[in-house]
Amino acid sequence: MDKILGSNGKQIRVNIVLVPGEVLREELEARKIIQSAFAMKIGVYPSHFSDVLKGKRRLNASLTLKLEKELGISADFWVGLQANYELSLEREKYSEMHG
């Protein structure tokens, strides 16, 4: 990922964090797909899937492959989104601890 530099030459860090579950929920809504029916179709308990959409559970590799097959959105995209989200959370914790 390219760095964004301000007029002073220092790096600007953009604090936009995409929650993978929210992105997935919005995708399903855009396609008018019922969440519980979709969960059953891909072999995931609706309650577990709901937790993913709420950001309470992470997108694991198995789920990303199922999303790729059913939605046509690369598993690499979902894995990257999850990794970026987790890194952002850890970066924030680190920053709070180490100033």
PDB file of N, CA and C in Angstrom:
ATOM      1  N   MET A   1       0.840  -1.166   0.000  1.00  0.00           N
ATOM      2  CA  MET A   1       0.000   0.000   0.000  1.00  0.00           C
ATOM      3  C   MET A   1       0.891   1.238   0.000  1.00  0.00           C
ATOM      4  N   ASP A   2       0.569   2.201  -0.852  1.00  0.00           N
ATOM      5  CA  ASP A   2       1.353   3.422  -0.956  1.00  0.00           C
ATOM      6  C   ASP A   2       1.103   4.318   0.246  1.00  0.00           C
ATOM      7  N   LYS A   3       2.142   5.032   0.626  1.00  0.00           N
ATOM      8  CA  LYS A   3       2.005   5.989   1.710  1.00  0.00           C
ATOM      9  C   LYS A   3       1.423   7.285   1.160  1.00  0.00           C
ATOM     10  N   ILE A   4       0.652   7.970   1.992  1.00  0.00           N
ATOM     11  CA  ILE A   4       0.101   9.265   1.628  1.00  0.00           C
ATOM     12  C   ILE A   4       0.908  10.295   2.409  1.00  0.00           C
ATOM     13  N   LEU A   5       1.507  11.240   1.681  1.00  0.00           N
ATOM     14  CA  LEU A   5       2.329  12.251   2.319  1.00  0.00           C
ATOM     15  C   LEU A   5       1.636  13.602   2.291  1.00  0.00           C
ATOM     16  N   GLY A   6       1.727  14.314   3.402  1.00  0.00           N
ATOM     17  CA  GLY A   6       1.166  15.650   3.479  1.00  0.00           C
ATOM     18  C   GLY A   6       2.115  16.671   2.872  1.00  0.00           C
ATOM     19  N   SER A   7       1.710  17.939   2.853  1.00  0.00           N
ATOM     20  CA  SER A   7       2.521  18.992   2.261  1.00  0.00           C
ATOM     21  C   SER A   7       3.844  19.177   3.000  1.00  0.00           C
ATOM     22  N   ASN A   8       3.886  18.737   4.259  1.00  0.00           N
ATOM     23  CA  ASN A   8       5.117  18.832   5.045  1.00  0.00           C
ATOM     24  C   ASN A   8       6.028  17.620   4.830  1.00  0.00           C
ATOM     25  N   GLY A   9       5.616  16.696   3.973  1.00  0.00           N
ATOM     26  CA  GLY A   9       6.423  15.517   3.679  1.00  0.00           C
ATOM     27  C   GLY A   9       6.250  14.374   4.656  1.00  0.00           C
ATOM     28  N   LYS A  10       5.445  14.582   5.702  1.00  0.00           N
ATOM     29  CA  LYS A  10       5.219  13.524   6.688  1.00  0.00           C
ATOM     30  C   LYS A  10       4.037  12.651   6.258  1.00  0.00           C
ATOM     31  N   GLN A  11       4.103  11.386   6.662  1.00  0.00           N
ATOM     32  CA  GLN A  11       3.052  10.448   6.296  1.00  0.00           C
ATOM     33  C   GLN A  11       1.746  10.801   6.998  1.00  0.00           C
ATOM     34  N   ILE A  12       0.664  10.720   6.236  1.00  0.00           N
ATOM     35  CA  ILE A  12      -0.679  10.912   6.777  1.00  0.00           C
ATOM     36  C   ILE A  12      -1.287   9.530   6.903  1.00  0.00           C
ATOM     37  N   ARG A  13      -1.767   9.210   8.086  1.00  0.00           N
ATOM     38  CA  ARG A  13      -2.411   7.921   8.303  1.00  0.00           C
ATOM     39  C   ARG A  13      -3.919   8.139   8.322  1.00  0.00           C
ATOM     40  N   VAL A  14      -4.616   7.485   7.411  1.00  0.00           N
ATOM     41  CA  VAL A  14      -6.062   7.621   7.313  1.00  0.00           C
ATOM     42  C   VAL A  14      -6.697   6.612   8.255  1.00  0.00           C
ATOM     43  N   ASN A  15      -7.580   7.082   9.121  1.00  0.00           N
ATOM     44  CA  ASN A  15      -8.189   6.212  10.118  1.00  0.00           C
ATOM     45  C   ASN A  15      -9.531   5.663   9.681  1.00  0.00           C
ATOM     46  N   ILE A  16      -9.583   5.099   8.492  1.00  0.00           N
ATOM     47  CA  ILE A  16     -10.800   4.457   8.023  1.00  0.00           C
ATOM     48  C   ILE A  16     -10.589   2.964   8.190  1.00  0.00           C
ATOM     49  N   VAL A  17     -11.387   2.363   9.053  1.00  0.00           N
ATOM     50  CA  VAL A  17     -11.268   0.938   9.305  1.00  0.00           C
ATOM     51  C   VAL A  17     -12.535   0.264   8.814  1.00  0.00           C
ATOM     52  N   LEU A  18     -12.384  -0.622   7.836  1.00  0.00           N
ATOM     53  CA  LEU A  18     -13.526  -1.356   7.319  1.00  0.00           C
ATOM     54  C   LEU A  18     -13.685  -2.643   8.119  1.00  0.00           C
ATOM     55  N   VAL A  19     -14.849  -2.805   8.735  1.00  0.00           N
ATOM     56  CA  VAL A  19     -15.144  -4.020   9.475  1.00  0.00           C
ATOM     57  C   VAL A  19     -15.636  -5.053   8.461  1.00  0.00           C
ATOM     58  N   PRO A  20     -14.926  -6.169   8.327  1.00  0.00           N
ATOM     59  CA  PRO A  20     -15.274  -7.151   7.298  1.00  0.00           C
ATOM     60  C   PRO A  20     -16.734  -7.590   7.318  1.00  0.00           C
ATOM     61  N   GLY A  21     -17.275  -7.837   8.496  1.00  0.00           N
ATOM     62  CA  GLY A  21     -18.664  -8.263   8.603  1.00  0.00           C
ATOM     63  C   GLY A  21     -19.638  -7.215   8.094  1.00  0.00           C
ATOM     64  N   GLU A  22     -19.329  -5.948   8.339  1.00  0.00           N
ATOM     65  CA  GLU A  22     -20.199  -4.871   7.864  1.00  0.00           C
ATOM     66  C   GLU A  22     -20.153  -4.764   6.348  1.00  0.00           C
ATOM     67  N   VAL A  23     -18.978  -4.946   5.785  1.00  0.00           N
ATOM     68  CA  VAL A  23     -18.844  -4.919   4.325  1.00  0.00           C
ATOM     69  C   VAL A  23     -19.663  -6.066   3.722  1.00  0.00           C
ATOM     70  N   LEU A  24     -19.560  -7.243   4.326  1.00  0.00           N
ATOM     71  CA  LEU A  24     -20.322  -8.395   3.856  1.00  0.00           C
ATOM     72  C   LEU A  24     -21.825  -8.156   3.989  1.00  0.00           C
ATOM     73  N   ARG A  25     -22.243  -7.620   5.119  1.00  0.00           N
ATOM     74  CA  ARG A  25     -23.670  -7.327   5.335  1.00  0.00           C
ATOM     75  C   ARG A  25     -24.190  -6.364   4.270  1.00  0.00           C
ATOM     76  N   GLU A  26     -23.423  -5.327   3.973  1.00  0.00           N
ATOM     77  CA  GLU A  26     -23.832  -4.355   2.952  1.00  0.00           C
ATOM     78  C   GLU A  26     -23.901  -5.000   1.575  1.00  0.00           C
ATOM     79  N   GLU A  27     -22.987  -5.924   1.294  1.00  0.00           N
ATOM     80  CA  GLU A  27     -23.000  -6.629   0.012  1.00  0.00           C
ATOM     81  C   GLU A  27     -24.263  -7.483  -0.115  1.00  0.00           C
ATOM     82  N   LEU A  28     -24.598  -8.190   0.951  1.00  0.00           N
ATOM     83  CA  LEU A  28     -25.811  -9.009   0.927  1.00  0.00           C
ATOM     84  C   LEU A  28     -27.054  -8.140   0.754  1.00  0.00           C
ATOM     85  N   GLU A  29     -27.096  -7.018   1.459  1.00  0.00           N
ATOM     86  CA  GLU A  29     -28.237  -6.099   1.337  1.00  0.00           C
ATOM     87  C   GLU A  29     -28.346  -5.557  -0.082  1.00  0.00           C
ATOM     88  N   ALA A  30     -27.227  -5.200  -0.677  1.00  0.00           N
ATOM     89  CA  ALA A  30     -27.229  -4.663  -2.043  1.00  0.00           C
ATOM     90  C   ALA A  30     -27.761  -5.688  -3.040  1.00  0.00           C
ATOM     91  N   ARG A  31     -27.506  -6.956  -2.745  1.00  0.00           N
ATOM     92  CA  ARG A  31     -27.972  -8.026  -3.625  1.00  0.00           C
ATOM     93  C   ARG A  31     -29.350  -8.562  -3.222  1.00  0.00           C
ATOM     94  N   LYS A  32     -29.916  -7.959  -2.166  1.00  0.00           N
ATOM     95  CA  LYS A  32     -31.220  -8.379  -1.636  1.00  0.00           C
ATOM     96  C   LYS A  32     -31.225  -9.865  -1.252  1.00  0.00           C
ATOM     97  N   ILE A  33     -30.134 -10.280  -0.603  1.00  0.00           N
ATOM     98  CA  ILE A  33     -29.980 -11.657  -0.141  1.00  0.00           C
ATOM     99  C   ILE A  33     -30.334 -11.702   1.339  1.00  0.00           C
ATOM    100  N   ILE A  34     -31.194 -12.641   1.707  1.00  0.00           N
ATOM    101  CA  ILE A  34     -31.592 -12.818   3.106  1.00  0.00           C
ATOM    102  C   ILE A  34     -30.454 -13.520   3.847  1.00  0.00           C
ATOM    103  N   GLN A  35     -30.012 -12.899   4.934  1.00  0.00           N
ATOM    104  CA  GLN A  35     -28.832 -13.367   5.656  1.00  0.00           C
ATOM    105  C   GLN A  35     -28.962 -14.812   6.133  1.00  0.00           C
ATOM    106  N   SER A  36     -30.062 -15.157   6.774  1.00  0.00           N
ATOM    107  CA  SER A  36     -30.211 -16.506   7.322  1.00  0.00           C
ATOM    108  C   SER A  36     -30.255 -17.557   6.211  1.00  0.00           C
ATOM    109  N   ALA A  37     -30.928 -17.246   5.121  1.00  0.00           N
ATOM    110  CA  ALA A  37     -30.997 -18.182   3.990  1.00  0.00           C
ATOM    111  C   ALA A  37     -29.613 -18.365   3.377  1.00  0.00           C
ATOM    112  N   PHE A  38     -28.861 -17.274   3.282  1.00  0.00           N
ATOM    113  CA  PHE A  38     -27.516 -17.347   2.728  1.00  0.00           C
ATOM    114  C   PHE A  38     -26.622 -18.194   3.625  1.00  0.00           C
ATOM    115  N   ALA A  39     -26.745 -17.996   4.940  1.00  0.00           N
ATOM    116  CA  ALA A  39     -25.946 -18.768   5.887  1.00  0.00           C
ATOM    117  C   ALA A  39     -26.192 -20.262   5.696  1.00  0.00           C
ATOM    118  N   MET A  40     -27.456 -20.635   5.588  1.00  0.00           N
ATOM    119  CA  MET A  40     -27.797 -22.046   5.407  1.00  0.00           C
ATOM    120  C   MET A  40     -27.242 -22.563   4.074  1.00  0.00           C
ATOM    121  N   LYS A  41     -27.309 -21.734   3.050  1.00  0.00           N
ATOM    122  CA  LYS A  41     -26.830 -22.140   1.723  1.00  0.00           C
ATOM    123  C   LYS A  41     -25.336 -22.458   1.728  1.00  0.00           C
ATOM    124  N   ILE A  42     -24.576 -21.699   2.509  1.00  0.00           N
ATOM    125  CA  ILE A  42     -23.130 -21.925   2.538  1.00  0.00           C
ATOM    126  C   ILE A  42     -22.706 -22.850   3.682  1.00  0.00           C
ATOM    127  N   GLY A  43     -23.688 -23.392   4.404  1.00  0.00           N
ATOM    128  CA  GLY A  43     -23.385 -24.362   5.450  1.00  0.00           C
ATOM    129  C   GLY A  43     -22.862 -23.780   6.743  1.00  0.00           C
ATOM    130  N   VAL A  44     -23.365 -22.596   7.105  1.00  0.00           N
ATOM    131  CA  VAL A  44     -22.953 -21.937   8.347  1.00  0.00           C
ATOM    132  C   VAL A  44     -24.215 -21.698   9.185  1.00  0.00           C
ATOM    133  N   TYR A  45     -24.118 -21.951  10.496  1.00  0.00           N
ATOM    134  CA  TYR A  45     -25.265 -21.686  11.351  1.00  0.00           C
ATOM    135  C   TYR A  45     -25.627 -20.206  11.264  1.00  0.00           C
ATOM    136  N   PRO A  46     -26.920 -19.897  11.121  1.00  0.00           N
ATOM    137  CA  PRO A  46     -27.330 -18.488  11.027  1.00  0.00           C
ATOM    138  C   PRO A  46     -26.837 -17.631  12.198  1.00  0.00           C
ATOM    139  N   SER A  47     -26.820 -18.189  13.420  1.00  0.00           N
ATOM    140  CA  SER A  47     -26.353 -17.405  14.572  1.00  0.00           C
ATOM    141  C   SER A  47     -24.856 -17.085  14.449  1.00  0.00           C
ATOM    142  N   HIS A  48     -24.089 -18.046  13.968  1.00  0.00           N
ATOM    143  CA  HIS A  48     -22.652 -17.832  13.748  1.00  0.00           C
ATOM    144  C   HIS A  48     -22.445 -16.771  12.663  1.00  0.00           C
ATOM    145  N   PHE A  49     -23.210 -16.896  11.586  1.00  0.00           N
ATOM    146  CA  PHE A  49     -23.102 -15.952  10.473  1.00  0.00           C
ATOM    147  C   PHE A  49     -23.493 -14.546  10.923  1.00  0.00           C
ATOM    148  N   SER A  50     -24.528 -14.463  11.747  1.00  0.00           N
ATOM    149  CA  SER A  50     -24.956 -13.171  12.279  1.00  0.00           C
ATOM    150  C   SER A  50     -23.830 -12.521  13.092  1.00  0.00           C
ATOM    151  N   ASP A  51     -23.118 -13.333  13.873  1.00  0.00           N
ATOM    152  CA  ASP A  51     -21.983 -12.809  14.645  1.00  0.00           C
ATOM    153  C   ASP A  51     -20.882 -12.282  13.732  1.00  0.00           C
ATOM    154  N   VAL A  52     -20.662 -12.946  12.595  1.00  0.00           N
ATOM    155  CA  VAL A  52     -19.676 -12.467  11.624  1.00  0.00           C
ATOM    156  C   VAL A  52     -20.108 -11.101  11.098  1.00  0.00           C
ATOM    157  N   LEU A  53     -21.384 -10.986  10.740  1.00  0.00           N
ATOM    158  CA  LEU A  53     -21.887  -9.726  10.185  1.00  0.00           C
ATOM    159  C   LEU A  53     -21.827  -8.585  11.190  1.00  0.00           C
ATOM    160  N   LYS A  54     -21.920  -8.910  12.476  1.00  0.00           N
ATOM    161  CA  LYS A  54     -21.853  -7.901  13.541  1.00  0.00           C
ATOM    162  C   LYS A  54     -20.426  -7.607  13.974  1.00  0.00           C
ATOM    163  N   GLY A  55     -19.458  -8.325  13.391  1.00  0.00           N
ATOM    164  CA  GLY A  55     -18.060  -8.110  13.759  1.00  0.00           C
ATOM    165  C   GLY A  55     -17.660  -8.803  15.040  1.00  0.00           C
ATOM    166  N   LYS A  56     -18.491  -9.712  15.544  1.00  0.00           N
ATOM    167  CA  LYS A  56     -18.173 -10.443  16.767  1.00  0.00           C
ATOM    168  C   LYS A  56     -17.310 -11.669  16.494  1.00  0.00           C
ATOM    169  N   ARG A  57     -17.313 -12.121  15.244  1.00  0.00           N
ATOM    170  CA  ARG A  57     -16.478 -13.245  14.820  1.00  0.00           C
ATOM    171  C   ARG A  57     -15.730 -12.818  13.565  1.00  0.00           C
ATOM    172  N   ARG A  58     -14.569 -13.432  13.368  1.00  0.00           N
ATOM    173  CA  ARG A  58     -13.744 -13.072  12.218  1.00  0.00           C
ATOM    174  C   ARG A  58     -14.113 -13.898  10.992  1.00  0.00           C
ATOM    175  N   LEU A  59     -13.735 -13.388   9.844  1.00  0.00           N
ATOM    176  CA  LEU A  59     -13.877 -14.139   8.598  1.00  0.00           C
ATOM    177  C   LEU A  59     -12.682 -15.082   8.516  1.00  0.00           C
ATOM    178  N   ASN A  60     -12.917 -16.387   8.649  1.00  0.00           N
ATOM    179  CA  ASN A  60     -11.810 -17.339   8.542  1.00  0.00           C
ATOM    180  C   ASN A  60     -11.661 -17.793   7.090  1.00  0.00           C
ATOM    181  N   ALA A  61     -10.595 -18.512   6.814  1.00  0.00           N
ATOM    182  CA  ALA A  61     -10.285 -18.925   5.441  1.00  0.00           C
ATOM    183  C   ALA A  61     -11.394 -19.772   4.830  1.00  0.00           C
ATOM    184  N   SER A  62     -11.970 -20.677   5.611  1.00  0.00           N
ATOM    185  CA  SER A  62     -13.041 -21.532   5.109  1.00  0.00           C
ATOM    186  C   SER A  62     -14.240 -20.704   4.661  1.00  0.00           C
ATOM    187  N   LEU A  63     -14.623 -19.745   5.488  1.00  0.00           N
ATOM    188  CA  LEU A  63     -15.766 -18.897   5.146  1.00  0.00           C
ATOM    189  C   LEU A  63     -15.474 -18.042   3.919  1.00  0.00           C
ATOM    190  N   THR A  64     -14.251 -17.535   3.809  1.00  0.00           N
ATOM    191  CA  THR A  64     -13.933 -16.686   2.652  1.00  0.00           C
ATOM    192  C   THR A  64     -14.013 -17.467   1.344  1.00  0.00           C
ATOM    193  N   LEU A  65     -13.663 -18.757   1.389  1.00  0.00           N
ATOM    194  CA  LEU A  65     -13.795 -19.588   0.182  1.00  0.00           C
ATOM    195  C   LEU A  65     -15.257 -19.801  -0.187  1.00  0.00           C
ATOM    196  N   LYS A  66     -16.102 -19.940   0.821  1.00  0.00           N
ATOM    197  CA  LYS A  66     -17.542 -20.083   0.569  1.00  0.00           C
ATOM    198  C   LYS A  66     -18.116 -18.794  -0.013  1.00  0.00           C
ATOM    199  N   LEU A  67     -17.658 -17.659   0.499  1.00  0.00           N
ATOM    200  CA  LEU A  67     -18.115 -16.364  -0.019  1.00  0.00           C
ATOM    201  C   LEU A  67     -17.670 -16.189  -1.465  1.00  0.00           C
ATOM    202  N   GLU A  68     -16.443 -16.594  -1.745  1.00  0.00           N
ATOM    203  CA  GLU A  68     -15.917 -16.499  -3.105  1.00  0.00           C
ATOM    204  C   GLU A  68     -16.798 -17.294  -4.069  1.00  0.00           C
ATOM    205  N   LYS A  69     -17.146 -18.501  -3.678  1.00  0.00           N
ATOM    206  CA  LYS A  69     -17.953 -19.365  -4.539  1.00  0.00           C
ATOM    207  C   LYS A  69     -19.351 -18.802  -4.762  1.00  0.00           C
ATOM    208  N   GLU A  70     -19.980 -18.330  -3.695  1.00  0.00           N
ATOM    209  CA  GLU A  70     -21.374 -17.889  -3.789  1.00  0.00           C
ATOM    210  C   GLU A  70     -21.541 -16.449  -4.286  1.00  0.00           C
ATOM    211  N   LEU A  71     -20.603 -15.580  -3.939  1.00  0.00           N
ATOM    212  CA  LEU A  71     -20.748 -14.166  -4.294  1.00  0.00           C
ATOM    213  C   LEU A  71     -19.855 -13.744  -5.463  1.00  0.00           C
ATOM    214  N   GLY A  72     -18.867 -14.579  -5.774  1.00  0.00           N
ATOM    215  CA  GLY A  72     -17.955 -14.219  -6.862  1.00  0.00           C
ATOM    216  C   GLY A  72     -16.966 -13.136  -6.469  1.00  0.00           C
ATOM    217  N   ILE A  73     -16.779 -12.945  -5.164  1.00  0.00           N
ATOM    218  CA  ILE A  73     -15.805 -11.970  -4.664  1.00  0.00           C
ATOM    219  C   ILE A  73     -14.643 -12.774  -4.090  1.00  0.00           C
ATOM    220  N   SER A  74     -13.461 -12.525  -4.589  1.00  0.00           N
ATOM    221  CA  SER A  74     -12.266 -13.283  -4.258  1.00  0.00           C
ATOM    222  C   SER A  74     -12.074 -13.501  -2.755  1.00  0.00           C
ATOM    223  N   ALA A  75     -11.701 -14.730  -2.414  1.00  0.00           N
ATOM    224  CA  ALA A  75     -11.352 -15.039  -1.023  1.00  0.00           C
ATOM    225  C   ALA A  75     -10.185 -14.159  -0.582  1.00  0.00           C
ATOM    226  N   ASP A  76      -9.285 -13.855  -1.516  1.00  0.00           N
ATOM    227  CA  ASP A  76      -8.144 -12.983  -1.200  1.00  0.00           C
ATOM    228  C   ASP A  76      -8.612 -11.612  -0.715  1.00  0.00           C
ATOM    229  N   PHE A  77      -9.680 -11.099  -1.328  1.00  0.00           N
ATOM    230  CA  PHE A  77     -10.238  -9.807  -0.909  1.00  0.00           C
ATOM    231  C   PHE A  77     -10.691  -9.884   0.549  1.00  0.00           C
ATOM    232  N   TRP A  78     -11.464 -10.929   0.870  1.00  0.00           N
ATOM    233  CA  TRP A  78     -12.007 -11.061   2.227  1.00  0.00           C
ATOM    234  C   TRP A  78     -10.908 -11.282   3.255  1.00  0.00           C
ATOM    235  N   VAL A  79      -9.927 -12.114   2.908  1.00  0.00           N
ATOM    236  CA  VAL A  79      -8.813 -12.372   3.817  1.00  0.00           C
ATOM    237  C   VAL A  79      -8.029 -11.074   4.051  1.00  0.00           C
ATOM    238  N   GLY A  80      -7.791 -10.334   2.988  1.00  0.00           N
ATOM    239  CA  GLY A  80      -7.077  -9.060   3.111  1.00  0.00           C
ATOM    240  C   GLY A  80      -7.835  -8.058   3.953  1.00  0.00           C
ATOM    241  N   LEU A  81      -9.139  -8.016   3.758  1.00  0.00           N
ATOM    242  CA  LEU A  81      -9.986  -7.113   4.541  1.00  0.00           C
ATOM    243  C   LEU A  81      -9.905  -7.464   6.022  1.00  0.00           C
ATOM    244  N   GLN A  82      -9.975  -8.757   6.331  1.00  0.00           N
ATOM    245  CA  GLN A  82      -9.886  -9.210   7.726  1.00  0.00           C
ATOM    246  C   GLN A  82      -8.516  -8.883   8.310  1.00  0.00           C
ATOM    247  N   ALA A  83      -7.464  -9.151   7.551  1.00  0.00           N
ATOM    248  CA  ALA A  83      -6.105  -8.883   8.026  1.00  0.00           C
ATOM    249  C   ALA A  83      -5.897  -7.389   8.283  1.00  0.00           C
ATOM    250  N   ASN A  84      -6.371  -6.547   7.368  1.00  0.00           N
ATOM    251  CA  ASN A  84      -6.236  -5.093   7.544  1.00  0.00           C
ATOM    252  C   ASN A  84      -6.997  -4.607   8.766  1.00  0.00           C
ATOM    253  N   TYR A  85      -8.175  -5.180   8.989  1.00  0.00           N
ATOM    254  CA  TYR A  85      -8.990  -4.814  10.145  1.00  0.00           C
ATOM    255  C   TYR A  85      -8.252  -5.168  11.438  1.00  0.00           C
ATOM    256  N   GLU A  86      -7.754  -6.400  11.516  1.00  0.00           N
ATOM    257  CA  GLU A  86      -7.051  -6.838  12.719  1.00  0.00           C
ATOM    258  C   GLU A  86      -5.782  -6.034  12.949  1.00  0.00           C
ATOM    259  N   LEU A  87      -5.061  -5.734  11.883  1.00  0.00           N
ATOM    260  CA  LEU A  87      -3.856  -4.930  12.000  1.00  0.00           C
ATOM    261  C   LEU A  87      -4.178  -3.525  12.506  1.00  0.00           C
ATOM    262  N   SER A  88      -5.265  -2.952  12.028  1.00  0.00           N
ATOM    263  CA  SER A  88      -5.681  -1.621  12.484  1.00  0.00           C
ATOM    264  C   SER A  88      -5.987  -1.624  13.976  1.00  0.00           C
ATOM    265  N   LEU A  89      -6.677  -2.670  14.436  1.00  0.00           N
ATOM    266  CA  LEU A  89      -6.998  -2.771  15.860  1.00  0.00           C
ATOM    267  C   LEU A  89      -5.726  -2.893  16.696  1.00  0.00           C
ATOM    268  N   GLU A  90      -4.805  -3.728  16.240  1.00  0.00           N
ATOM    269  CA  GLU A  90      -3.554  -3.915  16.972  1.00  0.00           C
ATOM    270  C   GLU A  90      -2.697  -2.661  16.941  1.00  0.00           C
ATOM    271  N   ARG A  91      -2.696  -1.981  15.810  1.00  0.00           N
ATOM    272  CA  ARG A  91      -1.928  -0.736  15.682  1.00  0.00           C
ATOM    273  C   ARG A  91      -2.454   0.305  16.673  1.00  0.00           C
ATOM    274  N   GLU A  92      -3.769   0.353  16.812  1.00  0.00           N
ATOM    275  CA  GLU A  92      -4.393   1.294  17.745  1.00  0.00           C
ATOM    276  C   GLU A  92      -4.002   0.958  19.184  1.00  0.00           C
ATOM    277  N   LYS A  93      -4.064  -0.330  19.545  1.00  0.00           N
ATOM    278  CA  LYS A  93      -3.658  -0.756  20.892  1.00  0.00           C
ATOM    279  C   LYS A  93      -2.202  -0.414  21.145  1.00  0.00           C
ATOM    280  N   TYR A  94      -1.352  -0.705  20.167  1.00  0.00           N
ATOM    281  CA  TYR A  94       0.080  -0.439  20.297  1.00  0.00           C
ATOM    282  C   TYR A  94       0.329   1.053  20.516  1.00  0.00           C
ATOM    283  N   SER A  95      -0.366   1.858  19.725  1.00  0.00           N
ATOM    284  CA  SER A  95      -0.204   3.308  19.822  1.00  0.00           C
ATOM    285  C   SER A  95      -0.614   3.821  21.197  1.00  0.00           C
ATOM    286  N   GLU A  96      -1.707   3.247  21.737  1.00  0.00           N
ATOM    287  CA  GLU A  96      -2.169   3.670  23.064  1.00  0.00           C
ATOM    288  C   GLU A  96      -1.167   3.279  24.152  1.00  0.00           C
ATOM    289  N   MET A  97      -0.537   2.118  23.980  1.00  0.00           N
ATOM    290  CA  MET A  97       0.410   1.626  24.986  1.00  0.00           C
ATOM    291  C   MET A  97       1.772   2.315  24.908  1.00  0.00           C
ATOM    292  N   HIS A  98       2.174   2.666  23.673  1.00  0.00           N
ATOM    293  CA  HIS A  98       3.519   3.189  23.475  1.00  0.00           C
ATOM    294  C   HIS A  98       3.582   4.639  23.024  1.00  0.00           C
ATOM    295  N   GLY A  99       2.419   5.260  22.971  1.00  0.00           N
ATOM    296  CA  GLY A  99       2.359   6.673  22.613  1.00  0.00           C
ATOM    297  C   GLY A  99       2.803   6.955  21.285  1.00  0.00           C
TER     298      GLY A  99
END
